[in-house]
Amino acid sequence: TVPTDTERATAALGYLLAAQKTNGSIDGSIGETADFVIGAAAAGYDPATLHGCASTATALDYLATASDAAAGDAAKTGKTILAVVAAGGDPASFAGRDLKKRLNVLYHSATGAFGDGSTFSQSFAVLAVVASGGTVPAEASAELKALQDSDGSWSYGKTPVAAGQGDTNSTAIALMALDAAGVRTADVAGLAYLHTQQLADGGFPYQNSSKPSASDPDSDSIVLQALVAAGQDPQSAAWLQGGKSVLTHLLSIQAASGGFAFPGSVGEDAFTTSQVPA
């Protein structure tokens, strides 16, 4: 029988659980580990009880200690908050840590920037404020919107770039953050840009440039979430290429192990798989 989406997500989580290190992390990465927690919670599992056979440390255990070293990084602090909230925890009291206070310290009221003001720092900080029940300052939303490029995209850095130099991942996370903050004035241009990036297989590459591009699981996953956040139906006619959607592409490339491989790589890996379950 054809597996359900939930069964496919569970298979991907199983792959990640097998890859979990003894310290509870996925690849020693806050980002990947947070994605694992968010995906596990979305699939109905309690992240506080999940750990590999080699250790009793959980992903949340790792995030608690790793977040200390990343206290000055708005993107990593924000993503940790998202994971804690997804797991049903309180980011203001997470293993003796006040992550909300840490994030507030990184906010610059004079500019509206969180941390270094880059797209991912600003986006994950805004998402974290919303997820933890706070109010996003208008200046913070304006700062993120000001990073939008002339073609509707966003890039990774702290200033807009020329048309054609943005990417799907930065654009997707920025759209998610602005929509979460209730700012939808960037949606039309941002979605129009994403339309230009969709490939014939229905999926999305990091950048659809003049060079040969290939859809990849990470870009599929984050764009899929952005489309939902913007109120789009990813399987509607507007987002089909020859009858293929980003979701059908993502489903088609899952390996028997449950994991996902980046195009051109020798096999599946945790980094490429980590964003898929959610």
C-alpha atoms as a PDB file:
ATOM      1  CA  THR A   1       0.000   0.000   0.000  1.00  0.00           C
ATOM      2  CA  VAL A   2       1.043   3.595  -0.494  1.00  0.00           C
ATOM      3  CA  PRO A   3       2.304   4.993   2.834  1.00  0.00           C
ATOM      4  CA  THR A   4       0.542   8.020   4.268  1.00  0.00           C
ATOM      5  CA  ASP A   5       2.326  11.323   4.744  1.00  0.00           C
ATOM      6  CA  THR A   6       2.388  10.658   8.495  1.00  0.00           C
ATOM      7  CA  GLU A   7       4.028   7.277   7.919  1.00  0.00           C
ATOM      8  CA  ARG A   8       6.577   8.895   5.643  1.00  0.00           C
ATOM      9  CA  ALA A   9       7.320  11.557   8.278  1.00  0.00           C
ATOM     10  CA  THR A  10       7.760   8.829  10.894  1.00  0.00           C
ATOM     11  CA  ALA A  11      10.167   6.977   8.600  1.00  0.00           C
ATOM     12  CA  ALA A  12      12.226  10.155   8.199  1.00  0.00           C
ATOM     13  CA  LEU A  13      12.223  10.642  11.971  1.00  0.00           C
ATOM     14  CA  GLY A  14      13.378   7.043  12.368  1.00  0.00           C
ATOM     15  CA  TYR A  15      16.287   7.774  10.059  1.00  0.00           C
ATOM     16  CA  LEU A  16      17.215  10.840  12.125  1.00  0.00           C
ATOM     17  CA  LEU A  17      16.861   8.952  15.407  1.00  0.00           C
ATOM     18  CA  ALA A  18      19.341   6.367  14.143  1.00  0.00           C
ATOM     19  CA  ALA A  19      21.734   9.213  13.304  1.00  0.00           C
ATOM     20  CA  GLN A  20      21.381  10.897  16.704  1.00  0.00           C
ATOM     21  CA  LYS A  21      24.683  11.320  18.531  1.00  0.00           C
ATOM     22  CA  THR A  22      25.381  10.380  22.145  1.00  0.00           C
ATOM     23  CA  ASN A  23      24.963  14.004  23.242  1.00  0.00           C
ATOM     24  CA  GLY A  24      21.419  13.980  21.867  1.00  0.00           C
ATOM     25  CA  SER A  25      22.200  16.107  18.818  1.00  0.00           C
ATOM     26  CA  ILE A  26      21.742  15.607  15.123  1.00  0.00           C
ATOM     27  CA  ASP A  27      25.191  16.263  13.621  1.00  0.00           C
ATOM     28  CA  GLY A  28      26.121  18.492  16.587  1.00  0.00           C
ATOM     29  CA  SER A  29      23.923  21.193  15.046  1.00  0.00           C
ATOM     30  CA  ILE A  30      21.371  23.378  16.818  1.00  0.00           C
ATOM     31  CA  GLY A  31      19.478  23.884  13.574  1.00  0.00           C
ATOM     32  CA  GLU A  32      19.211  20.217  12.637  1.00  0.00           C
ATOM     33  CA  THR A  33      18.433  19.177  16.206  1.00  0.00           C
ATOM     34  CA  ALA A  34      15.715  21.815  16.521  1.00  0.00           C
ATOM     35  CA  ASP A  35      14.211  20.626  13.234  1.00  0.00           C
ATOM     36  CA  PHE A  36      14.195  17.063  14.573  1.00  0.00           C
ATOM     37  CA  VAL A  37      12.333  18.216  17.690  1.00  0.00           C
ATOM     38  CA  ILE A  38       9.809  20.237  15.681  1.00  0.00           C
ATOM     39  CA  GLY A  39       9.236  17.364  13.261  1.00  0.00           C
ATOM     40  CA  ALA A  40       8.845  14.820  16.068  1.00  0.00           C
ATOM     41  CA  ALA A  41       6.295  16.992  17.855  1.00  0.00           C
ATOM     42  CA  ALA A  42       4.395  17.596  14.613  1.00  0.00           C
ATOM     43  CA  ALA A  43       4.164  13.829  14.078  1.00  0.00           C
ATOM     44  CA  GLY A  44       2.764  13.303  17.568  1.00  0.00           C
ATOM     45  CA  TYR A  45       5.865  12.158  19.429  1.00  0.00           C
ATOM     46  CA  ASP A  46       7.203  13.580  22.686  1.00  0.00           C
ATOM     47  CA  PRO A  47      10.711  14.933  21.919  1.00  0.00           C
ATOM     48  CA  ALA A  48      11.599  14.709  25.618  1.00  0.00           C
ATOM     49  CA  THR A  49      11.478  10.903  25.423  1.00  0.00           C
ATOM     50  CA  LEU A  50      13.263  10.357  22.113  1.00  0.00           C
ATOM     51  CA  HIS A  51      16.897   9.321  22.187  1.00  0.00           C
ATOM     52  CA  GLY A  52      19.110   6.924  20.301  1.00  0.00           C
ATOM     53  CA  CYS A  53      20.196   3.556  21.666  1.00  0.00           C
ATOM     54  CA  ALA A  54      23.720   4.826  22.319  1.00  0.00           C
ATOM     55  CA  SER A  55      22.716   7.391  24.932  1.00  0.00           C
ATOM     56  CA  THR A  56      20.005   8.589  27.274  1.00  0.00           C
ATOM     57  CA  ALA A  57      20.544  12.211  26.237  1.00  0.00           C
ATOM     58  CA  THR A  58      17.632  13.692  24.288  1.00  0.00           C
ATOM     59  CA  ALA A  59      17.573  16.362  21.616  1.00  0.00           C
ATOM     60  CA  LEU A  60      16.194  18.798  24.192  1.00  0.00           C
ATOM     61  CA  ASP A  61      19.119  18.010  26.499  1.00  0.00           C
ATOM     62  CA  TYR A  62      21.481  18.965  23.714  1.00  0.00           C
ATOM     63  CA  LEU A  63      19.599  22.151  22.870  1.00  0.00           C
ATOM     64  CA  ALA A  64      19.744  23.263  26.504  1.00  0.00           C
ATOM     65  CA  THR A  65      23.538  23.134  26.672  1.00  0.00           C
ATOM     66  CA  ALA A  66      24.240  24.150  23.068  1.00  0.00           C
ATOM     67  CA  SER A  67      22.027  27.216  23.373  1.00  0.00           C
ATOM     68  CA  ASP A  68      24.423  28.612  25.985  1.00  0.00           C
ATOM     69  CA  ALA A  69      27.271  28.768  23.479  1.00  0.00           C
ATOM     70  CA  ALA A  70      24.893  30.317  20.943  1.00  0.00           C
ATOM     71  CA  ALA A  71      23.475  32.944  23.301  1.00  0.00           C
ATOM     72  CA  GLY A  72      24.754  35.747  21.060  1.00  0.00           C
ATOM     73  CA  ASP A  73      23.231  34.303  17.884  1.00  0.00           C
ATOM     74  CA  ALA A  74      19.671  35.483  17.226  1.00  0.00           C
ATOM     75  CA  ALA A  75      18.959  32.828  14.584  1.00  0.00           C
ATOM     76  CA  LYS A  76      20.072  29.906  16.758  1.00  0.00           C
ATOM     77  CA  THR A  77      18.400  31.298  19.868  1.00  0.00           C
ATOM     78  CA  GLY A  78      15.200  31.862  17.925  1.00  0.00           C
ATOM     79  CA  LYS A  79      15.225  28.372  16.460  1.00  0.00           C
ATOM     80  CA  THR A  80      15.825  26.856  19.895  1.00  0.00           C
ATOM     81  CA  ILE A  81      12.774  28.737  21.171  1.00  0.00           C
ATOM     82  CA  LEU A  82      10.701  27.320  18.307  1.00  0.00           C
ATOM     83  CA  ALA A  83      11.799  23.803  19.253  1.00  0.00           C
ATOM     84  CA  VAL A  84      11.029  24.304  22.939  1.00  0.00           C
ATOM     85  CA  VAL A  85       7.561  25.649  22.161  1.00  0.00           C
ATOM     86  CA  ALA A  86       6.898  22.790  19.724  1.00  0.00           C
ATOM     87  CA  ALA A  87       7.833  20.333  22.464  1.00  0.00           C
ATOM     88  CA  GLY A  88       5.331  21.944  24.832  1.00  0.00           C
ATOM     89  CA  GLY A  89       7.946  23.688  26.969  1.00  0.00           C
ATOM     90  CA  ASP A  90       8.316  27.228  28.276  1.00  0.00           C
ATOM     91  CA  PRO A  91      11.216  29.086  26.631  1.00  0.00           C
ATOM     92  CA  ALA A  92      11.304  31.493  29.583  1.00  0.00           C
ATOM     93  CA  SER A  93      12.106  28.539  31.843  1.00  0.00           C
ATOM     94  CA  PHE A  94      13.893  25.925  29.779  1.00  0.00           C
ATOM     95  CA  ALA A  95      16.252  23.786  31.856  1.00  0.00           C
ATOM     96  CA  GLY A  96      16.944  26.801  34.042  1.00  0.00           C
ATOM     97  CA  ARG A  97      17.410  29.137  31.096  1.00  0.00           C
ATOM     98  CA  ASP A  98      15.352  32.147  30.000  1.00  0.00           C
ATOM     99  CA  LEU A  99      15.619  31.999  26.233  1.00  0.00           C
ATOM    100  CA  LYS A 100      13.102  34.801  25.730  1.00  0.00           C
ATOM    101  CA  LYS A 101      15.293  37.149  27.765  1.00  0.00           C
ATOM    102  CA  ARG A 102      18.342  36.087  25.779  1.00  0.00           C
ATOM    103  CA  LEU A 103      16.582  36.947  22.542  1.00  0.00           C
ATOM    104  CA  ASN A 104      15.363  40.282  23.871  1.00  0.00           C
ATOM    105  CA  VAL A 105      18.949  41.206  24.747  1.00  0.00           C
ATOM    106  CA  LEU A 106      19.845  40.758  21.074  1.00  0.00           C
ATOM    107  CA  TYR A 107      17.191  43.219  19.894  1.00  0.00           C
ATOM    108  CA  HIS A 108      18.358  46.684  18.817  1.00  0.00           C
ATOM    109  CA  SER A 109      15.412  49.028  19.196  1.00  0.00           C
ATOM    110  CA  ALA A 110      17.129  51.839  17.293  1.00  0.00           C
ATOM    111  CA  THR A 111      17.294  49.786  14.085  1.00  0.00           C
ATOM    112  CA  GLY A 112      14.706  47.056  14.630  1.00  0.00           C
ATOM    113  CA  ALA A 113      17.379  44.402  14.065  1.00  0.00           C
ATOM    114  CA  PHE A 114      17.823  41.200  16.021  1.00  0.00           C
ATOM    115  CA  GLY A 115      21.467  40.242  16.298  1.00  0.00           C
ATOM    116  CA  ASP A 116      23.335  41.009  13.098  1.00  0.00           C
ATOM    117  CA  GLY A 117      20.108  41.838  11.265  1.00  0.00           C
ATOM    118  CA  SER A 118      20.619  39.188   8.585  1.00  0.00           C
ATOM    119  CA  THR A 119      17.596  37.511   7.015  1.00  0.00           C
ATOM    120  CA  PHE A 120      17.808  34.317   9.063  1.00  0.00           C
ATOM    121  CA  SER A 121      18.557  36.117  12.343  1.00  0.00           C
ATOM    122  CA  GLN A 122      15.644  38.467  11.814  1.00  0.00           C
ATOM    123  CA  SER A 123      13.280  35.757  10.595  1.00  0.00           C
ATOM    124  CA  PHE A 124      13.897  33.177  13.305  1.00  0.00           C
ATOM    125  CA  ALA A 125      13.779  35.872  15.981  1.00  0.00           C
ATOM    126  CA  VAL A 126      10.413  37.142  14.724  1.00  0.00           C
ATOM    127  CA  LEU A 127       9.038  33.591  14.500  1.00  0.00           C
ATOM    128  CA  ALA A 128      10.245  32.907  18.041  1.00  0.00           C
ATOM    129  CA  VAL A 129       8.620  36.036  19.440  1.00  0.00           C
ATOM    130  CA  VAL A 130       5.296  35.049  17.876  1.00  0.00           C
ATOM    131  CA  ALA A 131       5.569  31.394  18.933  1.00  0.00           C
ATOM    132  CA  SER A 132       6.320  32.335  22.544  1.00  0.00           C
ATOM    133  CA  GLY A 133       3.336  34.675  22.794  1.00  0.00           C
ATOM    134  CA  GLY A 134       5.126  37.982  22.395  1.00  0.00           C
ATOM    135  CA  THR A 135       4.441  41.002  20.207  1.00  0.00           C
ATOM    136  CA  VAL A 136       6.761  41.662  17.293  1.00  0.00           C
ATOM    137  CA  PRO A 137       7.921  45.296  17.237  1.00  0.00           C
ATOM    138  CA  ALA A 138       6.820  47.056  14.064  1.00  0.00           C
ATOM    139  CA  GLU A 139      10.424  48.138  13.553  1.00  0.00           C
ATOM    140  CA  ALA A 140      11.554  44.488  13.503  1.00  0.00           C
ATOM    141  CA  SER A 141       9.054  43.569  10.800  1.00  0.00           C
ATOM    142  CA  ALA A 142      10.006  46.665   8.813  1.00  0.00           C
ATOM    143  CA  GLU A 143      13.689  45.765   9.070  1.00  0.00           C
ATOM    144  CA  LEU A 144      13.009  42.297   7.651  1.00  0.00           C
ATOM    145  CA  LYS A 145      10.798  43.609   4.867  1.00  0.00           C
ATOM    146  CA  ALA A 146      13.493  46.126   3.929  1.00  0.00           C
ATOM    147  CA  LEU A 147      15.812  43.212   3.118  1.00  0.00           C
ATOM    148  CA  GLN A 148      13.557  42.101   0.246  1.00  0.00           C
ATOM    149  CA  ASP A 149      15.274  42.326  -3.151  1.00  0.00           C
ATOM    150  CA  SER A 150      13.826  44.070  -6.195  1.00  0.00           C
ATOM    151  CA  ASP A 151      12.700  40.731  -7.701  1.00  0.00           C
ATOM    152  CA  GLY A 152      10.760  39.790  -4.565  1.00  0.00           C
ATOM    153  CA  SER A 153      13.418  37.453  -3.140  1.00  0.00           C
ATOM    154  CA  TRP A 154      15.568  37.601  -0.023  1.00  0.00           C
ATOM    155  CA  SER A 155      19.203  36.611   0.342  1.00  0.00           C
ATOM    156  CA  TYR A 156      21.117  35.375   3.372  1.00  0.00           C
ATOM    157  CA  GLY A 157      22.884  38.631   4.236  1.00  0.00           C
ATOM    158  CA  LYS A 158      22.160  41.953   5.920  1.00  0.00           C
ATOM    159  CA  THR A 159      21.397  44.037   2.830  1.00  0.00           C
ATOM    160  CA  PRO A 160      19.311  43.521  -0.315  1.00  0.00           C
ATOM    161  CA  VAL A 161      21.120  42.113  -3.347  1.00  0.00           C
ATOM    162  CA  ALA A 162      20.640  42.479  -7.095  1.00  0.00           C
ATOM    163  CA  ALA A 163      17.785  40.674  -8.828  1.00  0.00           C
ATOM    164  CA  GLY A 164      18.687  37.042  -9.447  1.00  0.00           C
ATOM    165  CA  GLN A 165      21.026  36.755  -6.469  1.00  0.00           C
ATOM    166  CA  GLY A 166      18.417  35.880  -3.839  1.00  0.00           C
ATOM    167  CA  ASP A 167      17.459  32.302  -2.974  1.00  0.00           C
ATOM    168  CA  THR A 168      14.401  30.213  -2.206  1.00  0.00           C
ATOM    169  CA  ASN A 169      15.415  29.327   1.356  1.00  0.00           C
ATOM    170  CA  SER A 170      15.949  32.900   2.541  1.00  0.00           C
ATOM    171  CA  THR A 171      12.781  34.004   0.752  1.00  0.00           C
ATOM    172  CA  ALA A 172      10.703  31.252   2.341  1.00  0.00           C
ATOM    173  CA  ILE A 173      11.850  31.878   5.907  1.00  0.00           C
ATOM    174  CA  ALA A 174      11.349  35.649   5.537  1.00  0.00           C
ATOM    175  CA  LEU A 175       7.815  35.178   4.196  1.00  0.00           C
ATOM    176  CA  MET A 176       6.987  32.816   7.066  1.00  0.00           C
ATOM    177  CA  ALA A 177       8.225  35.333   9.624  1.00  0.00           C
ATOM    178  CA  LEU A 178       6.421  38.326   8.137  1.00  0.00           C
ATOM    179  CA  ASP A 179       3.179  36.360   7.759  1.00  0.00           C
ATOM    180  CA  ALA A 180       3.465  35.176  11.363  1.00  0.00           C
ATOM    181  CA  ALA A 181       3.849  38.815  12.427  1.00  0.00           C
ATOM    182  CA  GLY A 182       0.742  39.750  10.434  1.00  0.00           C
ATOM    183  CA  VAL A 183       2.635  41.610   7.712  1.00  0.00           C
ATOM    184  CA  ARG A 184       1.494  40.333   4.314  1.00  0.00           C
ATOM    185  CA  THR A 185       2.517  43.232   2.091  1.00  0.00           C
ATOM    186  CA  ALA A 186       5.552  41.281   0.876  1.00  0.00           C
ATOM    187  CA  ASP A 187       3.590  38.163  -0.091  1.00  0.00           C
ATOM    188  CA  VAL A 188       2.721  39.057  -3.687  1.00  0.00           C
ATOM    189  CA  ALA A 189       6.293  39.797  -4.756  1.00  0.00           C
ATOM    190  CA  GLY A 190       7.759  36.983  -2.663  1.00  0.00           C
ATOM    191  CA  LEU A 191       5.375  34.368  -4.052  1.00  0.00           C
ATOM    192  CA  ALA A 192       5.927  35.648  -7.573  1.00  0.00           C
ATOM    193  CA  TYR A 193       9.648  35.096  -7.108  1.00  0.00           C
ATOM    194  CA  LEU A 194       9.075  31.556  -5.836  1.00  0.00           C
ATOM    195  CA  HIS A 195       6.972  30.851  -8.922  1.00  0.00           C
ATOM    196  CA  THR A 196      10.010  31.657 -11.070  1.00  0.00           C
ATOM    197  CA  GLN A 197      12.085  29.145  -9.134  1.00  0.00           C
ATOM    198  CA  GLN A 198       9.824  26.092  -9.372  1.00  0.00           C
ATOM    199  CA  LEU A 199      11.226  23.422 -11.684  1.00  0.00           C
ATOM    200  CA  ALA A 200       9.501  21.031 -14.087  1.00  0.00           C
ATOM    201  CA  ASP A 201       9.461  18.236 -11.483  1.00  0.00           C
ATOM    202  CA  GLY A 202       7.392  20.444  -9.157  1.00  0.00           C
ATOM    203  CA  GLY A 203      10.228  20.920  -6.691  1.00  0.00           C
ATOM    204  CA  PHE A 204      12.462  23.839  -5.803  1.00  0.00           C
ATOM    205  CA  PRO A 205      16.232  24.366  -5.966  1.00  0.00           C
ATOM    206  CA  TYR A 206      18.236  26.701  -3.755  1.00  0.00           C
ATOM    207  CA  GLN A 207      18.560  28.987  -6.787  1.00  0.00           C
ATOM    208  CA  ASN A 208      17.157  28.495 -10.281  1.00  0.00           C
ATOM    209  CA  SER A 209      20.040  30.166 -12.070  1.00  0.00           C
ATOM    210  CA  SER A 210      21.361  29.949 -15.607  1.00  0.00           C
ATOM    211  CA  LYS A 211      23.352  26.888 -14.529  1.00  0.00           C
ATOM    212  CA  PRO A 212      21.617  23.470 -14.359  1.00  0.00           C
ATOM    213  CA  SER A 213      19.540  23.406 -11.172  1.00  0.00           C
ATOM    214  CA  ALA A 214      17.998  20.496  -9.296  1.00  0.00           C
ATOM    215  CA  SER A 215      15.204  20.404  -6.753  1.00  0.00           C
ATOM    216  CA  ASP A 216      16.428  19.422  -3.302  1.00  0.00           C
ATOM    217  CA  PRO A 217      14.611  18.215  -0.163  1.00  0.00           C
ATOM    218  CA  ASP A 218      15.649  21.168   2.011  1.00  0.00           C
ATOM    219  CA  SER A 219      14.387  23.769  -0.438  1.00  0.00           C
ATOM    220  CA  ASP A 220      11.214  21.749  -1.041  1.00  0.00           C
ATOM    221  CA  SER A 221      10.546  21.595   2.692  1.00  0.00           C
ATOM    222  CA  ILE A 222      11.037  25.234   3.552  1.00  0.00           C
ATOM    223  CA  VAL A 223       9.165  26.514   0.484  1.00  0.00           C
ATOM    224  CA  LEU A 224       6.303  24.125   1.252  1.00  0.00           C
ATOM    225  CA  GLN A 225       6.017  25.618   4.744  1.00  0.00           C
ATOM    226  CA  ALA A 226       6.176  29.152   3.348  1.00  0.00           C
ATOM    227  CA  LEU A 227       3.367  28.472   0.882  1.00  0.00           C
ATOM    228  CA  VAL A 228       1.153  27.189   3.685  1.00  0.00           C
ATOM    229  CA  ALA A 229       2.061  30.195   5.859  1.00  0.00           C
ATOM    230  CA  ALA A 230       1.070  32.529   3.033  1.00  0.00           C
ATOM    231  CA  GLY A 231      -2.328  30.860   2.708  1.00  0.00           C
ATOM    232  CA  GLN A 232      -1.475  29.041  -0.515  1.00  0.00           C
ATOM    233  CA  ASP A 233      -2.492  25.504  -1.444  1.00  0.00           C
ATOM    234  CA  PRO A 234       0.755  23.852  -2.618  1.00  0.00           C
ATOM    235  CA  GLN A 235      -1.255  21.280  -4.575  1.00  0.00           C
ATOM    236  CA  SER A 236      -3.494  23.780  -6.341  1.00  0.00           C
ATOM    237  CA  ALA A 237      -3.241  24.413 -10.081  1.00  0.00           C
ATOM    238  CA  ALA A 238      -1.261  27.589  -9.403  1.00  0.00           C
ATOM    239  CA  TRP A 239       1.619  25.532  -7.956  1.00  0.00           C
ATOM    240  CA  LEU A 240       1.637  22.585 -10.350  1.00  0.00           C
ATOM    241  CA  GLN A 241       4.199  21.886 -13.045  1.00  0.00           C
ATOM    242  CA  GLY A 242       2.855  19.306 -15.478  1.00  0.00           C
ATOM    243  CA  GLY A 243       0.612  17.963 -12.738  1.00  0.00           C
ATOM    244  CA  LYS A 244       3.488  17.772 -10.254  1.00  0.00           C
ATOM    245  CA  SER A 245       3.649  19.739  -7.001  1.00  0.00           C
ATOM    246  CA  VAL A 246       6.411  20.384  -4.507  1.00  0.00           C
ATOM    247  CA  LEU A 247       4.805  17.807  -2.214  1.00  0.00           C
ATOM    248  CA  THR A 248       4.671  15.093  -4.859  1.00  0.00           C
ATOM    249  CA  HIS A 249       8.318  15.764  -5.667  1.00  0.00           C
ATOM    250  CA  LEU A 250       9.311  15.546  -2.021  1.00  0.00           C
ATOM    251  CA  LEU A 251       7.441  12.263  -1.596  1.00  0.00           C
ATOM    252  CA  SER A 252       9.039  10.810  -4.728  1.00  0.00           C
ATOM    253  CA  ILE A 253      12.628  11.154  -3.529  1.00  0.00           C
ATOM    254  CA  GLN A 254      12.413   9.535  -0.086  1.00  0.00           C
ATOM    255  CA  ALA A 255      14.761   6.550   0.179  1.00  0.00           C
ATOM    256  CA  ALA A 256      13.875   3.159   1.642  1.00  0.00           C
ATOM    257  CA  SER A 257      15.838   4.140   4.760  1.00  0.00           C
ATOM    258  CA  GLY A 258      13.389   6.982   5.370  1.00  0.00           C
ATOM    259  CA  GLY A 259      16.124   9.515   4.716  1.00  0.00           C
ATOM    260  CA  PHE A 260      16.706  11.992   1.906  1.00  0.00           C
ATOM    261  CA  ALA A 261      19.759  12.694  -0.223  1.00  0.00           C
ATOM    262  CA  PHE A 262      20.939  15.975  -1.676  1.00  0.00           C
ATOM    263  CA  PRO A 263      21.103  15.881  -5.498  1.00  0.00           C
ATOM    264  CA  GLY A 264      24.420  14.475  -6.668  1.00  0.00           C
ATOM    265  CA  SER A 265      25.432  13.112  -3.251  1.00  0.00           C
ATOM    266  CA  VAL A 266      26.302   9.473  -2.587  1.00  0.00           C
ATOM    267  CA  GLY A 267      23.401   8.806  -0.241  1.00  0.00           C
ATOM    268  CA  GLU A 268      21.009  10.057   2.395  1.00  0.00           C
ATOM    269  CA  ASP A 269      22.207  12.252   5.251  1.00  0.00           C
ATOM    270  CA  ALA A 270      20.760  13.817   8.388  1.00  0.00           C
ATOM    271  CA  PHE A 271      21.304  17.410   7.274  1.00  0.00           C
ATOM    272  CA  THR A 272      19.218  16.928   4.132  1.00  0.00           C
ATOM    273  CA  THR A 273      16.557  14.943   6.003  1.00  0.00           C
ATOM    274  CA  SER A 274      16.178  17.147   9.085  1.00  0.00           C
ATOM    275  CA  GLN A 275      13.684  19.681   7.697  1.00  0.00           C
ATOM    276  CA  VAL A 276      11.435  17.168   5.938  1.00  0.00           C
ATOM    277  CA  PRO A 277       9.294  15.635   8.740  1.00  0.00           C
ATOM    278  CA  ALA A 278       7.713  18.946   9.771  1.00  0.00           C
END
